[in-house]
Amino acid sequence: MCRTKLSMGGKFMRIYETLFIIDPTLEEEARNKLVDRVKNQIEEKMGGKIRQIDRWGVRQLAFKVQKFNEGDYTVMLFDADPSQIKSLEEMYKIVPEIFRHLILRREDLEKHPISPKQAEEVEEVAVVQPAMNAESNDTEMPKEVENS
């Protein structure tokens, strides 16, 4: 078993990722407060540690959920004691402004941890690479397409 032992009381911690979607009709400040509420739930009430917060912003949903066609997406990567995950699930259920959520255990990161520096390098490559392709006016078509 892969377990990450952190210094928080000697408890065994696992790596989790949560995605939640907030009502997009709320003011930006109210949506930010909900993100802070989830963050506080993880850090203070669950004794976890936030690794990364990624705000995707308002995006179109694939299909209508409740009355919404779009939602404000947030993804958090965090360490937590497995016995505390249920409290996060319960919090999501009682907050009506968060209308969809998902919590996943990230075993891949537990087995092959990546340092914050490596994460930044991967993010830089992902951001720089499309820009490089956009600048190069390489419009050469593959031979199979040219002959069509």
N, C-alpha and C. Protein backbone atom coordinates (compact mmCIF):
# COMPACT_ATOMS: atom_id res chain seq x y z
N MET A 1 0.83 -1.19 0.00
CA MET A 1 0.00 0.00 0.00
C MET A 1 0.87 1.24 0.00
N CYS A 2 0.45 2.20 -0.80
CA CYS A 2 1.16 3.47 -0.85
C CYS A 2 0.45 4.44 0.07
N ARG A 3 1.10 4.87 1.08
CA ARG A 3 0.54 5.86 2.00
C ARG A 3 1.54 6.98 2.16
N THR A 4 1.03 8.17 2.19
CA THR A 4 1.87 9.34 2.41
C THR A 4 1.71 9.72 3.86
N LYS A 5 2.78 9.67 4.63
CA LYS A 5 2.70 10.05 6.03
C LYS A 5 3.17 11.48 6.16
N LEU A 6 2.26 12.31 6.62
CA LEU A 6 2.59 13.71 6.81
C LEU A 6 2.76 13.99 8.29
N SER A 7 3.28 15.15 8.61
CA SER A 7 3.58 15.49 9.99
C SER A 7 2.36 15.89 10.80
N MET A 8 1.19 15.89 10.22
CA MET A 8 -0.01 16.32 10.92
C MET A 8 -0.48 15.26 11.90
N GLY A 9 0.11 15.23 13.05
CA GLY A 9 -0.30 14.28 14.08
C GLY A 9 0.08 12.85 13.77
N GLY A 10 0.95 12.63 12.81
CA GLY A 10 1.38 11.29 12.45
C GLY A 10 0.30 10.47 11.74
N LYS A 11 -0.77 11.14 11.25
CA LYS A 11 -1.85 10.43 10.55
C LYS A 11 -1.40 10.07 9.15
N PHE A 12 -1.95 8.97 8.65
CA PHE A 12 -1.69 8.62 7.27
C PHE A 12 -2.60 9.44 6.37
N MET A 13 -2.01 10.07 5.39
CA MET A 13 -2.75 10.94 4.49
C MET A 13 -2.72 10.33 3.09
N ARG A 14 -3.77 10.55 2.37
CA ARG A 14 -3.86 10.15 0.97
C ARG A 14 -4.02 11.41 0.13
N ILE A 15 -3.73 11.28 -1.15
CA ILE A 15 -3.86 12.41 -2.07
C ILE A 15 -5.22 12.30 -2.76
N TYR A 16 -5.96 13.40 -2.73
CA TYR A 16 -7.28 13.45 -3.36
C TYR A 16 -7.37 14.65 -4.29
N GLU A 17 -8.32 14.55 -5.21
CA GLU A 17 -8.65 15.67 -6.09
C GLU A 17 -10.16 15.83 -6.03
N THR A 18 -10.61 17.06 -5.90
CA THR A 18 -12.04 17.32 -5.92
C THR A 18 -12.34 18.37 -6.98
N LEU A 19 -13.42 18.15 -7.68
CA LEU A 19 -13.92 19.10 -8.65
C LEU A 19 -15.33 19.46 -8.20
N PHE A 20 -15.64 20.75 -8.17
CA PHE A 20 -17.00 21.14 -7.84
C PHE A 20 -17.43 22.29 -8.74
N ILE A 21 -18.75 22.34 -8.97
CA ILE A 21 -19.32 23.33 -9.88
C ILE A 21 -20.28 24.21 -9.08
N ILE A 22 -20.06 25.51 -9.17
CA ILE A 22 -20.82 26.50 -8.41
C ILE A 22 -21.82 27.20 -9.33
N ASP A 23 -22.94 27.58 -8.77
CA ASP A 23 -23.98 28.34 -9.45
C ASP A 23 -23.35 29.59 -10.10
N PRO A 24 -23.40 29.71 -11.43
CA PRO A 24 -22.75 30.85 -12.10
C PRO A 24 -23.50 32.17 -11.95
N THR A 25 -24.74 32.13 -11.45
CA THR A 25 -25.50 33.36 -11.30
C THR A 25 -25.09 34.15 -10.06
N LEU A 26 -24.30 33.53 -9.18
CA LEU A 26 -23.80 34.22 -7.99
C LEU A 26 -22.76 35.26 -8.40
N GLU A 27 -22.63 36.29 -7.59
CA GLU A 27 -21.58 37.29 -7.81
C GLU A 27 -20.22 36.61 -7.66
N GLU A 28 -19.20 37.18 -8.29
CA GLU A 28 -17.84 36.63 -8.24
C GLU A 28 -17.36 36.50 -6.79
N GLU A 29 -17.64 37.49 -5.98
CA GLU A 29 -17.22 37.48 -4.58
C GLU A 29 -17.85 36.31 -3.82
N ALA A 30 -19.12 36.04 -4.08
CA ALA A 30 -19.82 34.93 -3.42
C ALA A 30 -19.24 33.60 -3.87
N ARG A 31 -18.88 33.48 -5.15
CA ARG A 31 -18.26 32.23 -5.65
C ARG A 31 -16.89 32.04 -5.01
N ASN A 32 -16.13 33.14 -4.87
CA ASN A 32 -14.82 33.04 -4.22
C ASN A 32 -14.96 32.61 -2.76
N LYS A 33 -16.00 33.10 -2.08
CA LYS A 33 -16.24 32.70 -0.69
C LYS A 33 -16.55 31.21 -0.58
N LEU A 34 -17.27 30.68 -1.57
CA LEU A 34 -17.56 29.24 -1.55
C LEU A 34 -16.29 28.41 -1.75
N VAL A 35 -15.40 28.89 -2.61
CA VAL A 35 -14.11 28.20 -2.81
C VAL A 35 -13.32 28.24 -1.50
N ASP A 36 -13.32 29.39 -0.82
CA ASP A 36 -12.64 29.50 0.47
C ASP A 36 -13.29 28.58 1.51
N ARG A 37 -14.60 28.44 1.44
CA ARG A 37 -15.30 27.55 2.38
C ARG A 37 -14.86 26.10 2.20
N VAL A 38 -14.73 25.66 0.94
CA VAL A 38 -14.26 24.29 0.68
C VAL A 38 -12.81 24.16 1.16
N LYS A 39 -11.99 25.17 0.87
CA LYS A 39 -10.59 25.16 1.30
C LYS A 39 -10.50 25.06 2.82
N ASN A 40 -11.29 25.85 3.54
CA ASN A 40 -11.30 25.80 5.00
C ASN A 40 -11.80 24.46 5.53
N GLN A 41 -12.77 23.87 4.85
CA GLN A 41 -13.28 22.56 5.25
C GLN A 41 -12.14 21.54 5.21
N ILE A 42 -11.37 21.59 4.14
CA ILE A 42 -10.27 20.63 3.98
C ILE A 42 -9.16 20.89 4.99
N GLU A 43 -8.75 22.14 5.12
CA GLU A 43 -7.61 22.46 5.98
C GLU A 43 -7.95 22.45 7.46
N GLU A 44 -9.01 23.10 7.85
CA GLU A 44 -9.29 23.28 9.27
C GLU A 44 -10.13 22.15 9.86
N LYS A 45 -11.20 21.78 9.20
CA LYS A 45 -12.09 20.78 9.78
C LYS A 45 -11.62 19.35 9.52
N MET A 46 -10.97 19.11 8.37
CA MET A 46 -10.51 17.76 8.04
C MET A 46 -9.04 17.56 8.40
N GLY A 47 -8.32 18.63 8.68
CA GLY A 47 -6.90 18.52 8.99
C GLY A 47 -6.05 18.20 7.77
N GLY A 48 -6.54 18.56 6.59
CA GLY A 48 -5.83 18.28 5.35
C GLY A 48 -4.91 19.41 4.94
N LYS A 49 -4.28 19.22 3.79
CA LYS A 49 -3.34 20.21 3.27
C LYS A 49 -3.62 20.39 1.78
N ILE A 50 -3.91 21.62 1.38
CA ILE A 50 -4.17 21.93 -0.02
C ILE A 50 -2.85 21.94 -0.78
N ARG A 51 -2.78 21.22 -1.88
CA ARG A 51 -1.60 21.23 -2.73
C ARG A 51 -1.74 22.23 -3.86
N GLN A 52 -2.95 22.29 -4.44
CA GLN A 52 -3.15 23.15 -5.60
C GLN A 52 -4.63 23.49 -5.74
N ILE A 53 -4.91 24.72 -6.13
CA ILE A 53 -6.27 25.15 -6.45
C ILE A 53 -6.25 25.67 -7.87
N ASP A 54 -7.14 25.15 -8.70
CA ASP A 54 -7.20 25.54 -10.10
C ASP A 54 -8.62 26.01 -10.40
N ARG A 55 -8.79 27.31 -10.56
CA ARG A 55 -10.11 27.88 -10.90
C ARG A 55 -10.26 27.90 -12.41
N TRP A 56 -11.20 27.16 -12.94
CA TRP A 56 -11.43 27.13 -14.38
C TRP A 56 -12.36 28.25 -14.82
N GLY A 57 -13.14 28.79 -13.89
CA GLY A 57 -14.08 29.84 -14.24
C GLY A 57 -15.39 29.27 -14.77
N VAL A 58 -16.20 30.15 -15.33
CA VAL A 58 -17.51 29.75 -15.83
C VAL A 58 -17.35 29.09 -17.19
N ARG A 59 -17.92 27.89 -17.30
CA ARG A 59 -17.85 27.11 -18.54
C ARG A 59 -19.21 26.52 -18.86
N GLN A 60 -19.41 26.26 -20.12
CA GLN A 60 -20.64 25.63 -20.59
C GLN A 60 -20.69 24.18 -20.12
N LEU A 61 -21.84 23.74 -19.64
CA LEU A 61 -22.02 22.34 -19.25
C LEU A 61 -22.36 21.51 -20.49
N ALA A 62 -22.04 20.24 -20.46
CA ALA A 62 -22.34 19.36 -21.58
C ALA A 62 -23.85 19.16 -21.74
N PHE A 63 -24.55 19.21 -20.62
CA PHE A 63 -26.01 19.10 -20.64
C PHE A 63 -26.57 19.89 -19.46
N LYS A 64 -27.84 20.21 -19.54
CA LYS A 64 -28.47 21.01 -18.49
C LYS A 64 -28.50 20.22 -17.19
N VAL A 65 -28.03 20.85 -16.10
CA VAL A 65 -28.04 20.25 -14.77
C VAL A 65 -28.90 21.15 -13.89
N GLN A 66 -29.93 20.56 -13.31
CA GLN A 66 -30.94 21.33 -12.58
C GLN A 66 -31.44 22.41 -13.52
N LYS A 67 -31.21 23.66 -13.22
CA LYS A 67 -31.64 24.74 -14.12
C LYS A 67 -30.48 25.43 -14.83
N PHE A 68 -29.28 24.85 -14.73
CA PHE A 68 -28.09 25.52 -15.23
C PHE A 68 -27.58 24.94 -16.55
N ASN A 69 -27.15 25.85 -17.45
CA ASN A 69 -26.49 25.47 -18.69
C ASN A 69 -24.98 25.67 -18.60
N GLU A 70 -24.55 26.40 -17.56
CA GLU A 70 -23.13 26.63 -17.34
C GLU A 70 -22.87 26.66 -15.84
N GLY A 71 -21.58 26.57 -15.47
CA GLY A 71 -21.22 26.57 -14.07
C GLY A 71 -19.79 27.04 -13.88
N ASP A 72 -19.46 27.45 -12.65
CA ASP A 72 -18.11 27.92 -12.30
C ASP A 72 -17.34 26.73 -11.72
N TYR A 73 -16.37 26.24 -12.46
CA TYR A 73 -15.61 25.04 -12.09
C TYR A 73 -14.39 25.38 -11.24
N THR A 74 -14.13 24.54 -10.23
CA THR A 74 -12.92 24.63 -9.43
C THR A 74 -12.40 23.22 -9.18
N VAL A 75 -11.09 23.04 -9.30
CA VAL A 75 -10.44 21.76 -9.01
C VAL A 75 -9.41 22.00 -7.91
N MET A 76 -9.42 21.13 -6.89
CA MET A 76 -8.44 21.21 -5.80
C MET A 76 -7.75 19.88 -5.64
N LEU A 77 -6.45 19.93 -5.46
CA LEU A 77 -5.64 18.76 -5.15
C LEU A 77 -5.22 18.91 -3.70
N PHE A 78 -5.44 17.86 -2.89
CA PHE A 78 -5.16 17.99 -1.47
C PHE A 78 -4.80 16.66 -0.83
N ASP A 79 -4.16 16.74 0.33
CA ASP A 79 -3.85 15.57 1.16
C ASP A 79 -4.85 15.55 2.30
N ALA A 80 -5.35 14.35 2.62
CA ALA A 80 -6.29 14.26 3.74
C ALA A 80 -6.31 12.84 4.29
N ASP A 81 -6.75 12.73 5.52
CA ASP A 81 -6.97 11.44 6.16
C ASP A 81 -8.22 10.83 5.51
N PRO A 82 -8.14 9.59 5.02
CA PRO A 82 -9.29 8.96 4.36
C PRO A 82 -10.57 8.96 5.20
N SER A 83 -10.44 8.90 6.50
CA SER A 83 -11.63 8.87 7.36
C SER A 83 -12.36 10.22 7.39
N GLN A 84 -11.73 11.28 6.87
CA GLN A 84 -12.33 12.62 6.91
C GLN A 84 -13.03 13.01 5.60
N ILE A 85 -12.89 12.20 4.58
CA ILE A 85 -13.45 12.55 3.27
C ILE A 85 -14.97 12.67 3.32
N LYS A 86 -15.61 11.86 4.13
CA LYS A 86 -17.06 11.90 4.24
C LYS A 86 -17.57 13.28 4.68
N SER A 87 -16.81 13.98 5.52
CA SER A 87 -17.25 15.31 5.96
C SER A 87 -17.27 16.31 4.79
N LEU A 88 -16.35 16.16 3.84
CA LEU A 88 -16.35 17.03 2.66
C LEU A 88 -17.58 16.71 1.80
N GLU A 89 -17.84 15.43 1.63
CA GLU A 89 -19.01 14.99 0.87
C GLU A 89 -20.30 15.56 1.48
N GLU A 90 -20.40 15.51 2.80
CA GLU A 90 -21.58 16.03 3.50
C GLU A 90 -21.71 17.54 3.35
N MET A 91 -20.58 18.25 3.37
CA MET A 91 -20.62 19.69 3.19
C MET A 91 -21.15 20.04 1.80
N TYR A 92 -20.67 19.31 0.77
CA TYR A 92 -21.15 19.56 -0.59
C TYR A 92 -22.68 19.37 -0.67
N LYS A 93 -23.19 18.38 0.04
CA LYS A 93 -24.62 18.07 -0.04
C LYS A 93 -25.50 19.15 0.60
N ILE A 94 -24.98 19.88 1.58
CA ILE A 94 -25.81 20.88 2.26
C ILE A 94 -25.62 22.29 1.71
N VAL A 95 -24.73 22.46 0.75
CA VAL A 95 -24.51 23.78 0.15
C VAL A 95 -25.19 23.79 -1.22
N PRO A 96 -26.37 24.41 -1.33
CA PRO A 96 -27.12 24.35 -2.59
C PRO A 96 -26.45 25.06 -3.76
N GLU A 97 -25.56 26.01 -3.49
CA GLU A 97 -24.88 26.73 -4.57
C GLU A 97 -23.85 25.86 -5.29
N ILE A 98 -23.42 24.78 -4.64
CA ILE A 98 -22.53 23.81 -5.30
C ILE A 98 -23.44 22.69 -5.79
N PHE A 99 -23.72 22.69 -7.11
CA PHE A 99 -24.73 21.76 -7.61
C PHE A 99 -24.16 20.47 -8.20
N ARG A 100 -22.86 20.36 -8.35
CA ARG A 100 -22.22 19.10 -8.74
C ARG A 100 -20.85 19.04 -8.09
N HIS A 101 -20.42 17.82 -7.72
CA HIS A 101 -19.10 17.65 -7.13
C HIS A 101 -18.59 16.23 -7.39
N LEU A 102 -17.29 16.09 -7.26
CA LEU A 102 -16.63 14.81 -7.45
C LEU A 102 -15.38 14.80 -6.58
N ILE A 103 -15.14 13.69 -5.89
CA ILE A 103 -13.92 13.53 -5.09
C ILE A 103 -13.25 12.24 -5.55
N LEU A 104 -11.99 12.34 -5.95
CA LEU A 104 -11.24 11.19 -6.44
C LEU A 104 -9.96 11.00 -5.63
N ARG A 105 -9.61 9.77 -5.36
CA ARG A 105 -8.31 9.49 -4.75
C ARG A 105 -7.30 9.40 -5.89
N ARG A 106 -6.18 10.09 -5.76
CA ARG A 106 -5.15 10.12 -6.80
C ARG A 106 -4.03 9.16 -6.48
N GLU A 107 -4.28 7.87 -6.70
CA GLU A 107 -3.27 6.84 -6.46
C GLU A 107 -2.05 7.05 -7.35
N ASP A 108 -2.26 7.58 -8.56
CA ASP A 108 -1.14 7.79 -9.47
C ASP A 108 -0.12 8.75 -8.87
N LEU A 109 -0.58 9.78 -8.16
CA LEU A 109 0.34 10.73 -7.54
C LEU A 109 0.97 10.16 -6.27
N GLU A 110 0.27 9.22 -5.61
CA GLU A 110 0.83 8.58 -4.43
C GLU A 110 1.98 7.66 -4.82
N LYS A 111 1.85 6.99 -5.96
CA LYS A 111 2.88 6.06 -6.42
C LYS A 111 4.06 6.78 -7.06
N HIS A 112 3.75 7.83 -7.81
CA HIS A 112 4.79 8.59 -8.52
C HIS A 112 4.61 10.07 -8.22
N PRO A 113 5.02 10.50 -7.03
CA PRO A 113 4.79 11.89 -6.65
C PRO A 113 5.55 12.85 -7.56
N ILE A 114 4.96 14.00 -7.81
CA ILE A 114 5.61 15.01 -8.61
C ILE A 114 5.79 16.24 -7.74
N SER A 115 6.97 16.81 -7.83
CA SER A 115 7.30 17.97 -7.00
C SER A 115 6.60 19.21 -7.56
N PRO A 116 6.43 20.25 -6.75
CA PRO A 116 5.83 21.48 -7.26
C PRO A 116 6.60 22.07 -8.43
N LYS A 117 7.93 21.93 -8.42
CA LYS A 117 8.74 22.45 -9.52
C LYS A 117 8.43 21.71 -10.82
N GLN A 118 8.28 20.36 -10.73
CA GLN A 118 7.93 19.59 -11.92
C GLN A 118 6.55 19.99 -12.43
N ALA A 119 5.62 20.24 -11.53
CA ALA A 119 4.27 20.65 -11.93
C ALA A 119 4.33 21.97 -12.68
N GLU A 120 5.15 22.92 -12.21
CA GLU A 120 5.30 24.21 -12.89
C GLU A 120 5.89 24.02 -14.28
N GLU A 121 6.89 23.13 -14.41
CA GLU A 121 7.52 22.89 -15.71
C GLU A 121 6.52 22.30 -16.69
N VAL A 122 5.70 21.36 -16.23
CA VAL A 122 4.69 20.75 -17.09
C VAL A 122 3.68 21.80 -17.51
N GLU A 123 3.28 22.67 -16.58
CA GLU A 123 2.31 23.72 -16.88
C GLU A 123 2.90 24.70 -17.89
N GLU A 124 4.18 25.06 -17.75
CA GLU A 124 4.82 25.99 -18.68
C GLU A 124 4.86 25.40 -20.08
N VAL A 125 5.18 24.12 -20.20
CA VAL A 125 5.24 23.46 -21.50
C VAL A 125 3.85 23.47 -22.14
N ALA A 126 2.82 23.20 -21.35
CA ALA A 126 1.46 23.18 -21.87
C ALA A 126 1.03 24.55 -22.35
N VAL A 127 1.48 25.61 -21.69
CA VAL A 127 1.11 26.96 -22.08
C VAL A 127 1.95 27.42 -23.26
N VAL A 128 3.24 27.13 -23.27
CA VAL A 128 4.14 27.60 -24.31
C VAL A 128 3.93 26.84 -25.61
N GLN A 129 3.67 25.57 -25.56
CA GLN A 129 3.57 24.74 -26.75
C GLN A 129 2.50 25.22 -27.73
N PRO A 130 1.27 25.51 -27.30
CA PRO A 130 0.28 25.99 -28.26
C PRO A 130 0.69 27.31 -28.90
N ALA A 131 1.33 28.18 -28.14
CA ALA A 131 1.76 29.46 -28.70
C ALA A 131 2.78 29.25 -29.79
N MET A 132 3.67 28.29 -29.61
CA MET A 132 4.68 28.01 -30.62
C MET A 132 4.01 27.50 -31.89
N ASN A 133 3.04 26.64 -31.77
CA ASN A 133 2.34 26.11 -32.93
C ASN A 133 1.56 27.19 -33.66
N ALA A 134 0.99 28.13 -32.91
CA ALA A 134 0.21 29.20 -33.50
C ALA A 134 1.12 30.13 -34.30
N GLU A 135 2.34 30.37 -33.82
CA GLU A 135 3.25 31.28 -34.49
C GLU A 135 3.80 30.67 -35.77
N SER A 136 4.04 29.38 -35.77
CA SER A 136 4.58 28.76 -36.97
C SER A 136 3.43 28.56 -37.94
N ASN A 137 3.55 29.12 -39.11
CA ASN A 137 2.50 28.99 -40.11
C ASN A 137 2.70 27.72 -40.91
N ASP A 138 2.89 26.65 -40.21
CA ASP A 138 3.12 25.35 -40.82
C ASP A 138 1.77 24.76 -41.21
N THR A 139 1.35 24.99 -42.44
CA THR A 139 0.04 24.52 -42.89
C THR A 139 0.16 23.36 -43.85
N GLU A 140 1.29 22.71 -43.86
CA GLU A 140 1.50 21.58 -44.75
C GLU A 140 0.54 20.45 -44.37
N MET A 141 -0.20 19.99 -45.36
CA MET A 141 -1.19 18.94 -45.13
C MET A 141 -0.51 17.58 -45.27
N PRO A 142 -0.96 16.59 -44.50
CA PRO A 142 -0.43 15.24 -44.69
C PRO A 142 -0.74 14.76 -46.09
N LYS A 143 0.12 13.90 -46.64
CA LYS A 143 -0.03 13.45 -48.03
C LYS A 143 -1.38 12.77 -48.27
N GLU A 144 -1.90 12.05 -47.26
CA GLU A 144 -3.19 11.37 -47.45
C GLU A 144 -4.30 12.40 -47.69
N VAL A 145 -4.21 13.56 -47.05
CA VAL A 145 -5.24 14.58 -47.18
C VAL A 145 -5.08 15.33 -48.48
N GLU A 146 -3.83 15.61 -48.90
CA GLU A 146 -3.56 16.34 -50.12
C GLU A 146 -4.16 15.63 -51.33
N ASN A 147 -4.08 14.34 -51.38
CA ASN A 147 -4.52 13.57 -52.55
C ASN A 147 -6.03 13.42 -52.61
N SER A 148 -6.73 13.78 -51.55
CA SER A 148 -8.20 13.60 -51.53
C SER A 148 -8.90 14.56 -52.43
